[in-house]
């Protein structure tokens, strides 16, 4: 017997590309829920990095350098 996910995947196969994109968007929006704990951890990390940068313990890289590096990857 097929699981619900398998049934939905089978039915999705017959959808138009536009309908598939809408389905994917709905699923991703449902999964993309804020997590306060992760937000707190990242905020603390950002504060630590900013403090380290201001004290001269960390250097920065220009936007142009980053973009150039990824254009050639």
PDB file of N, CA and C in Angstrom:
ATOM      1  N   UNK A   1       0.837  -1.183   0.000  1.00  0.00           N
ATOM      2  CA  UNK A   1       0.000   0.000   0.000  1.00  0.00           C
ATOM      3  C   UNK A   1       0.880   1.244   0.000  1.00  0.00           C
ATOM      4  N   UNK A   2       0.524   2.224  -0.811  1.00  0.00           N
ATOM      5  CA  UNK A   2       1.312   3.447  -0.924  1.00  0.00           C
ATOM      6  C   UNK A   2       1.083   4.349   0.284  1.00  0.00           C
ATOM      7  N   UNK A   3       2.156   5.045   0.653  1.00  0.00           N
ATOM      8  CA  UNK A   3       2.034   6.052   1.700  1.00  0.00           C
ATOM      9  C   UNK A   3       1.364   7.290   1.108  1.00  0.00           C
ATOM     10  N   UNK A   4       0.946   8.184   1.966  1.00  0.00           N
ATOM     11  CA  UNK A   4       0.343   9.430   1.501  1.00  0.00           C
ATOM     12  C   UNK A   4       1.307  10.195   0.607  1.00  0.00           C
ATOM     13  N   UNK A   5       2.561  10.265   1.009  1.00  0.00           N
ATOM     14  CA  UNK A   5       3.558  10.985   0.216  1.00  0.00           C
ATOM     15  C   UNK A   5       3.721  10.356  -1.157  1.00  0.00           C
ATOM     16  N   UNK A   6       3.716   9.037  -1.210  1.00  0.00           N
ATOM     17  CA  UNK A   6       3.847   8.349  -2.501  1.00  0.00           C
ATOM     18  C   UNK A   6       2.631   8.614  -3.389  1.00  0.00           C
ATOM     19  N   UNK A   7       1.451   8.641  -2.793  1.00  0.00           N
ATOM     20  CA  UNK A   7       0.241   8.942  -3.562  1.00  0.00           C
ATOM     21  C   UNK A   7       0.289  10.359  -4.120  1.00  0.00           C
ATOM     22  N   UNK A   8       0.686  11.310  -3.279  1.00  0.00           N
ATOM     23  CA  UNK A   8       0.764  12.701  -3.720  1.00  0.00           C
ATOM     24  C   UNK A   8       1.814  12.848  -4.813  1.00  0.00           C
ATOM     25  N   UNK A   9       2.967  12.207  -4.648  1.00  0.00           N
ATOM     26  CA  UNK A   9       4.025  12.271  -5.661  1.00  0.00           C
ATOM     27  C   UNK A   9       3.539  11.694  -6.981  1.00  0.00           C
ATOM     28  N   UNK A  10       2.787  10.616  -6.912  1.00  0.00           N
ATOM     29  CA  UNK A  10       2.255  10.003  -8.123  1.00  0.00           C
ATOM     30  C   UNK A  10       1.266  10.946  -8.813  1.00  0.00           C
ATOM     31  N   UNK A  11       0.401  11.568  -8.033  1.00  0.00           N
ATOM     32  CA  UNK A  11      -0.561  12.514  -8.593  1.00  0.00           C
ATOM     33  C   UNK A  11       0.149  13.761  -9.128  1.00  0.00           C
ATOM     34  N   UNK A  12       1.196  14.194  -8.461  1.00  0.00           N
ATOM     35  CA  UNK A  12       1.938  15.378  -8.881  1.00  0.00           C
ATOM     36  C   UNK A  12       2.582  15.177 -10.245  1.00  0.00           C
ATOM     37  N   UNK A  13       2.901  13.942 -10.551  1.00  0.00           N
ATOM     38  CA  UNK A  13       3.517  13.622 -11.845  1.00  0.00           C
ATOM     39  C   UNK A  13       2.655  14.101 -13.008  1.00  0.00           C
ATOM     40  N   UNK A  14       1.341  14.070 -12.833  1.00  0.00           N
ATOM     41  CA  UNK A  14       0.419  14.447 -13.899  1.00  0.00           C
ATOM     42  C   UNK A  14       0.100  15.937 -13.937  1.00  0.00           C
ATOM     43  N   UNK A  15       0.617  16.714 -12.996  1.00  0.00           N
ATOM     44  CA  UNK A  15       0.353  18.149 -12.961  1.00  0.00           C
ATOM     45  C   UNK A  15       1.151  18.881 -14.035  1.00  0.00           C
ATOM     46  N   UNK A  16       0.642  20.044 -14.428  1.00  0.00           N
ATOM     47  CA  UNK A  16       1.410  20.887 -15.347  1.00  0.00           C
ATOM     48  C   UNK A  16       2.612  21.440 -14.588  1.00  0.00           C
ATOM     49  N   UNK A  17       3.573  21.956 -15.322  1.00  0.00           N
ATOM     50  CA  UNK A  17       4.759  22.524 -14.677  1.00  0.00           C
ATOM     51  C   UNK A  17       4.373  23.654 -13.730  1.00  0.00           C
ATOM     52  N   UNK A  18       3.416  24.475 -14.135  1.00  0.00           N
ATOM     53  CA  UNK A  18       2.971  25.580 -13.285  1.00  0.00           C
ATOM     54  C   UNK A  18       2.349  25.064 -11.994  1.00  0.00           C
ATOM     55  N   UNK A  19       1.520  24.038 -12.105  1.00  0.00           N
ATOM     56  CA  UNK A  19       0.903  23.459 -10.917  1.00  0.00           C
ATOM     57  C   UNK A  19       1.947  22.815 -10.008  1.00  0.00           C
ATOM     58  N   UNK A  20       2.946  22.183 -10.608  1.00  0.00           N
ATOM     59  CA  UNK A  20       4.027  21.584  -9.814  1.00  0.00           C
ATOM     60  C   UNK A  20       4.779  22.659  -9.040  1.00  0.00           C
ATOM     61  N   UNK A  21       5.059  23.785  -9.712  1.00  0.00           N
ATOM     62  CA  UNK A  21       5.753  24.882  -9.035  1.00  0.00           C
ATOM     63  C   UNK A  21       4.920  25.432  -7.888  1.00  0.00           C
ATOM     64  N   UNK A  22       3.623  25.544  -8.087  1.00  0.00           N
ATOM     65  CA  UNK A  22       2.749  26.009  -7.000  1.00  0.00           C
ATOM     66  C   UNK A  22       2.776  25.038  -5.827  1.00  0.00           C
ATOM     67  N   UNK A  23       2.780  23.748  -6.124  1.00  0.00           N
ATOM     68  CA  UNK A  23       2.827  22.735  -5.078  1.00  0.00           C
ATOM     69  C   UNK A  23       4.150  22.809  -4.309  1.00  0.00           C
ATOM     70  N   UNK A  24       5.248  22.915  -5.042  1.00  0.00           N
ATOM     71  CA  UNK A  24       6.571  23.031  -4.407  1.00  0.00           C
ATOM     72  C   UNK A  24       6.626  24.288  -3.543  1.00  0.00           C
ATOM     73  N   UNK A  25       6.104  25.398  -4.056  1.00  0.00           N
ATOM     74  CA  UNK A  25       6.096  26.645  -3.304  1.00  0.00           C
ATOM     75  C   UNK A  25       5.287  26.495  -2.018  1.00  0.00           C
ATOM     76  N   UNK A  26       4.140  25.840  -2.097  1.00  0.00           N
ATOM     77  CA  UNK A  26       3.309  25.631  -0.908  1.00  0.00           C
ATOM     78  C   UNK A  26       4.040  24.773   0.122  1.00  0.00           C
ATOM     79  N   UNK A  27       4.712  23.732  -0.341  1.00  0.00           N
ATOM     80  CA  UNK A  27       5.453  22.854   0.574  1.00  0.00           C
ATOM     81  C   UNK A  27       6.610  23.607   1.223  1.00  0.00           C
ATOM     82  N   UNK A  28       7.367  24.352   0.423  1.00  0.00           N
ATOM     83  CA  UNK A  28       8.506  25.101   0.971  1.00  0.00           C
ATOM     84  C   UNK A  28       8.049  26.179   1.954  1.00  0.00           C
ATOM     85  N   UNK A  29       6.952  26.859   1.646  1.00  0.00           N
ATOM     86  CA  UNK A  29       6.427  27.859   2.579  1.00  0.00           C
ATOM     87  C   UNK A  29       6.003  27.219   3.886  1.00  0.00           C
ATOM     88  N   UNK A  30       5.456  26.018   3.809  1.00  0.00           N
ATOM     89  CA  UNK A  30       5.050  25.315   5.018  1.00  0.00           C
ATOM     90  C   UNK A  30       6.263  24.909   5.867  1.00  0.00           C
ATOM     91  N   UNK A  31       7.353  24.548   5.204  1.00  0.00           N
ATOM     92  CA  UNK A  31       8.560  24.118   5.913  1.00  0.00           C
ATOM     93  C   UNK A  31       9.375  25.288   6.448  1.00  0.00           C
ATOM     94  N   UNK A  32       9.229  26.458   5.838  1.00  0.00           N
ATOM     95  CA  UNK A  32      10.058  27.606   6.173  1.00  0.00           C
ATOM     96  C   UNK A  32       9.470  28.391   7.344  1.00  0.00           C
ATOM     97  N   UNK A  33       9.426  27.752   8.488  1.00  0.00           N
ATOM     98  CA  UNK A  33       8.906  28.386   9.696  1.00  0.00           C
ATOM     99  C   UNK A  33      10.077  28.930  10.501  1.00  0.00           C
ATOM    100  N   UNK A  34       9.929  30.130  11.050  1.00  0.00           N
ATOM    101  CA  UNK A  34      11.004  30.682  11.876  1.00  0.00           C
ATOM    102  C   UNK A  34      11.290  29.782  13.081  1.00  0.00           C
ATOM    103  N   UNK A  35      12.549  29.692  13.416  1.00  0.00           N
ATOM    104  CA  UNK A  35      12.961  28.944  14.606  1.00  0.00           C
ATOM    105  C   UNK A  35      13.674  29.926  15.522  1.00  0.00           C
ATOM    106  N   UNK A  36      13.016  30.352  16.594  1.00  0.00           N
ATOM    107  CA  UNK A  36      13.612  31.355  17.483  1.00  0.00           C
ATOM    108  C   UNK A  36      14.987  30.960  18.027  1.00  0.00           C
ATOM    109  N   UNK A  37      15.199  29.681  18.268  1.00  0.00           N
ATOM    110  CA  UNK A  37      16.489  29.235  18.804  1.00  0.00           C
ATOM    111  C   UNK A  37      17.596  29.420  17.765  1.00  0.00           C
ATOM    112  N   UNK A  38      17.330  29.056  16.525  1.00  0.00           N
ATOM    113  CA  UNK A  38      18.320  29.253  15.464  1.00  0.00           C
ATOM    114  C   UNK A  38      18.562  30.741  15.244  1.00  0.00           C
ATOM    115  N   UNK A  39      17.499  31.537  15.256  1.00  0.00           N
ATOM    116  CA  UNK A  39      17.654  32.989  15.105  1.00  0.00           C
ATOM    117  C   UNK A  39      18.513  33.565  16.226  1.00  0.00           C
ATOM    118  N   UNK A  40      18.318  33.094  17.455  1.00  0.00           N
ATOM    119  CA  UNK A  40      19.099  33.564  18.605  1.00  0.00           C
ATOM    120  C   UNK A  40      20.566  33.204  18.438  1.00  0.00           C
ATOM    121  N   UNK A  41      20.831  31.973  18.016  1.00  0.00           N
ATOM    122  CA  UNK A  41      22.209  31.507  17.837  1.00  0.00           C
ATOM    123  C   UNK A  41      22.912  32.334  16.756  1.00  0.00           C
ATOM    124  N   UNK A  42      22.234  32.574  15.629  1.00  0.00           N
ATOM    125  CA  UNK A  42      22.845  33.361  14.557  1.00  0.00           C
ATOM    126  C   UNK A  42      23.055  34.813  14.963  1.00  0.00           C
ATOM    127  N   UNK A  43      22.116  35.368  15.727  1.00  0.00           N
ATOM    128  CA  UNK A  43      22.273  36.746  16.193  1.00  0.00           C
ATOM    129  C   UNK A  43      23.493  36.863  17.099  1.00  0.00           C
ATOM    130  N   UNK A  44      23.677  35.902  17.976  1.00  0.00           N
ATOM    131  CA  UNK A  44      24.847  35.906  18.868  1.00  0.00           C
ATOM    132  C   UNK A  44      26.138  35.764  18.063  1.00  0.00           C
ATOM    133  N   UNK A  45      26.137  34.887  17.078  1.00  0.00           N
ATOM    134  CA  UNK A  45      27.311  34.709  16.224  1.00  0.00           C
ATOM    135  C   UNK A  45      27.634  36.008  15.481  1.00  0.00           C
ATOM    136  N   UNK A  46      26.599  36.672  14.975  1.00  0.00           N
ATOM    137  CA  UNK A  46      26.805  37.940  14.272  1.00  0.00           C
ATOM    138  C   UNK A  46      27.409  38.990  15.205  1.00  0.00           C
ATOM    139  N   UNK A  47      26.913  39.048  16.446  1.00  0.00           N
ATOM    140  CA  UNK A  47      27.475  39.999  17.421  1.00  0.00           C
ATOM    141  C   UNK A  47      28.948  39.702  17.696  1.00  0.00           C
ATOM    142  N   UNK A  48      29.278  38.424  17.858  1.00  0.00           N
ATOM    143  CA  UNK A  48      30.672  38.030  18.114  1.00  0.00           C
ATOM    144  C   UNK A  48      31.570  38.408  16.939  1.00  0.00           C
ATOM    145  N   UNK A  49      31.108  38.135  15.726  1.00  0.00           N
ATOM    146  CA  UNK A  49      31.910  38.453  14.539  1.00  0.00           C
ATOM    147  C   UNK A  49      32.092  39.960  14.385  1.00  0.00           C
ATOM    148  N   UNK A  50      31.030  40.735  14.628  1.00  0.00           N
ATOM    149  CA  UNK A  50      31.117  42.186  14.523  1.00  0.00           C
ATOM    150  C   UNK A  50      32.098  42.737  15.554  1.00  0.00           C
ATOM    151  N   UNK A  51      32.016  42.234  16.789  1.00  0.00           N
ATOM    152  CA  UNK A  51      32.935  42.688  17.843  1.00  0.00           C
ATOM    153  C   UNK A  51      34.373  42.336  17.473  1.00  0.00           C
ATOM    154  N   UNK A  52      34.596  41.141  16.963  1.00  0.00           N
ATOM    155  CA  UNK A  52      35.927  40.716  16.558  1.00  0.00           C
ATOM    156  C   UNK A  52      36.453  41.589  15.427  1.00  0.00           C
ATOM    157  N   UNK A  53      35.614  41.916  14.469  1.00  0.00           N
ATOM    158  CA  UNK A  53      36.007  42.779  13.360  1.00  0.00           C
ATOM    159  C   UNK A  53      36.376  44.171  13.870  1.00  0.00           C
ATOM    160  N   UNK A  54      35.549  44.726  14.748  1.00  0.00           N
ATOM    161  CA  UNK A  54      35.799  46.074  15.271  1.00  0.00           C
ATOM    162  C   UNK A  54      37.105  46.134  16.081  1.00  0.00           C
ATOM    163  N   UNK A  55      37.477  45.023  16.714  1.00  0.00           N
ATOM    164  CA  UNK A  55      38.712  44.985  17.505  1.00  0.00           C
ATOM    165  C   UNK A  55      39.929  44.659  16.643  1.00  0.00           C
ATOM    166  N   UNK A  56      39.720  44.461  15.357  1.00  0.00           N
ATOM    167  CA  UNK A  56      40.831  44.190  14.450  1.00  0.00           C
ATOM    168  C   UNK A  56      41.291  42.746  14.449  1.00  0.00           C
ATOM    169  N   UNK A  57      40.524  41.870  15.040  1.00  0.00           N
ATOM    170  CA  UNK A  57      40.892  40.450  15.094  1.00  0.00           C
ATOM    171  C   UNK A  57      40.432  39.677  13.862  1.00  0.00           C
ATOM    172  N   UNK A  58      39.624  40.332  13.042  1.00  0.00           N
ATOM    173  CA  UNK A  58      39.072  39.661  11.876  1.00  0.00           C
ATOM    174  C   UNK A  58      39.090  40.651  10.713  1.00  0.00           C
ATOM    175  N   UNK A  59      39.505  40.188   9.564  1.00  0.00           N
ATOM    176  CA  UNK A  59      39.502  41.062   8.395  1.00  0.00           C
ATOM    177  C   UNK A  59      38.213  40.841   7.598  1.00  0.00           C
ATOM    178  N   UNK A  60      38.009  41.702   6.642  1.00  0.00           N
ATOM    179  CA  UNK A  60      36.817  41.557   5.802  1.00  0.00           C
ATOM    180  C   UNK A  60      37.239  41.297   4.362  1.00  0.00           C
ATOM    181  N   UNK A  61      36.286  40.892   3.574  1.00  0.00           N
ATOM    182  CA  UNK A  61      36.502  40.640   2.159  1.00  0.00           C
ATOM    183  C   UNK A  61      35.474  41.483   1.414  1.00  0.00           C
ATOM    184  N   UNK A  62      35.895  42.166   0.373  1.00  0.00           N
ATOM    185  CA  UNK A  62      34.978  43.034  -0.354  1.00  0.00           C
ATOM    186  C   UNK A  62      33.931  42.214  -1.105  1.00  0.00           C
ATOM    187  N   UNK A  63      32.809  42.855  -1.323  1.00  0.00           N
ATOM    188  CA  UNK A  63      31.735  42.248  -2.102  1.00  0.00           C
ATOM    189  C   UNK A  63      32.243  41.862  -3.488  1.00  0.00           C
ATOM    190  N   UNK A  64      33.002  42.759  -4.098  1.00  0.00           N
ATOM    191  CA  UNK A  64      33.521  42.506  -5.443  1.00  0.00           C
ATOM    192  C   UNK A  64      34.401  41.250  -5.454  1.00  0.00           C
ATOM    193  N   UNK A  65      35.237  41.085  -4.441  1.00  0.00           N
ATOM    194  CA  UNK A  65      36.111  39.909  -4.355  1.00  0.00           C
ATOM    195  C   UNK A  65      35.286  38.626  -4.246  1.00  0.00           C
ATOM    196  N   UNK A  66      34.277  38.652  -3.407  1.00  0.00           N
ATOM    197  CA  UNK A  66      33.426  37.471  -3.227  1.00  0.00           C
ATOM    198  C   UNK A  66      32.723  37.128  -4.533  1.00  0.00           C
ATOM    199  N   UNK A  67      32.144  38.136  -5.178  1.00  0.00           N
ATOM    200  CA  UNK A  67      31.416  37.882  -6.416  1.00  0.00           C
ATOM    201  C   UNK A  67      32.353  37.398  -7.527  1.00  0.00           C
ATOM    202  N   UNK A  68      33.529  37.963  -7.606  1.00  0.00           N
ATOM    203  CA  UNK A  68      34.498  37.521  -8.612  1.00  0.00           C
ATOM    204  C   UNK A  68      34.893  36.067  -8.383  1.00  0.00           C
ATOM    205  N   UNK A  69      35.099  35.708  -7.150  1.00  0.00           N
ATOM    206  CA  UNK A  69      35.470  34.330  -6.809  1.00  0.00           C
ATOM    207  C   UNK A  69      34.381  33.345  -7.246  1.00  0.00           C
ATOM    208  N   UNK A  70      33.134  33.700  -7.037  1.00  0.00           N
ATOM    209  CA  UNK A  70      32.038  32.794  -7.363  1.00  0.00           C
ATOM    210  C   UNK A  70      31.681  32.801  -8.842  1.00  0.00           C
ATOM    211  N   UNK A  71      32.032  33.817  -9.538  1.00  0.00           N
ATOM    212  CA  UNK A  71      31.790  33.831 -10.987  1.00  0.00           C
ATOM    213  C   UNK A  71      32.691  32.832 -11.695  1.00  0.00           C
ATOM    214  N   UNK A  72      33.852  32.573 -11.105  1.00  0.00           N
ATOM    215  CA  UNK A  72      34.816  31.663 -11.736  1.00  0.00           C
ATOM    216  C   UNK A  72      34.764  30.247 -11.157  1.00  0.00           C
ATOM    217  N   UNK A  73      33.828  29.999 -10.307  1.00  0.00           N
ATOM    218  CA  UNK A  73      33.703  28.651  -9.689  1.00  0.00           C
ATOM    219  C   UNK A  73      32.992  27.701 -10.605  1.00  0.00           C
TER     220      UNK A  73
END
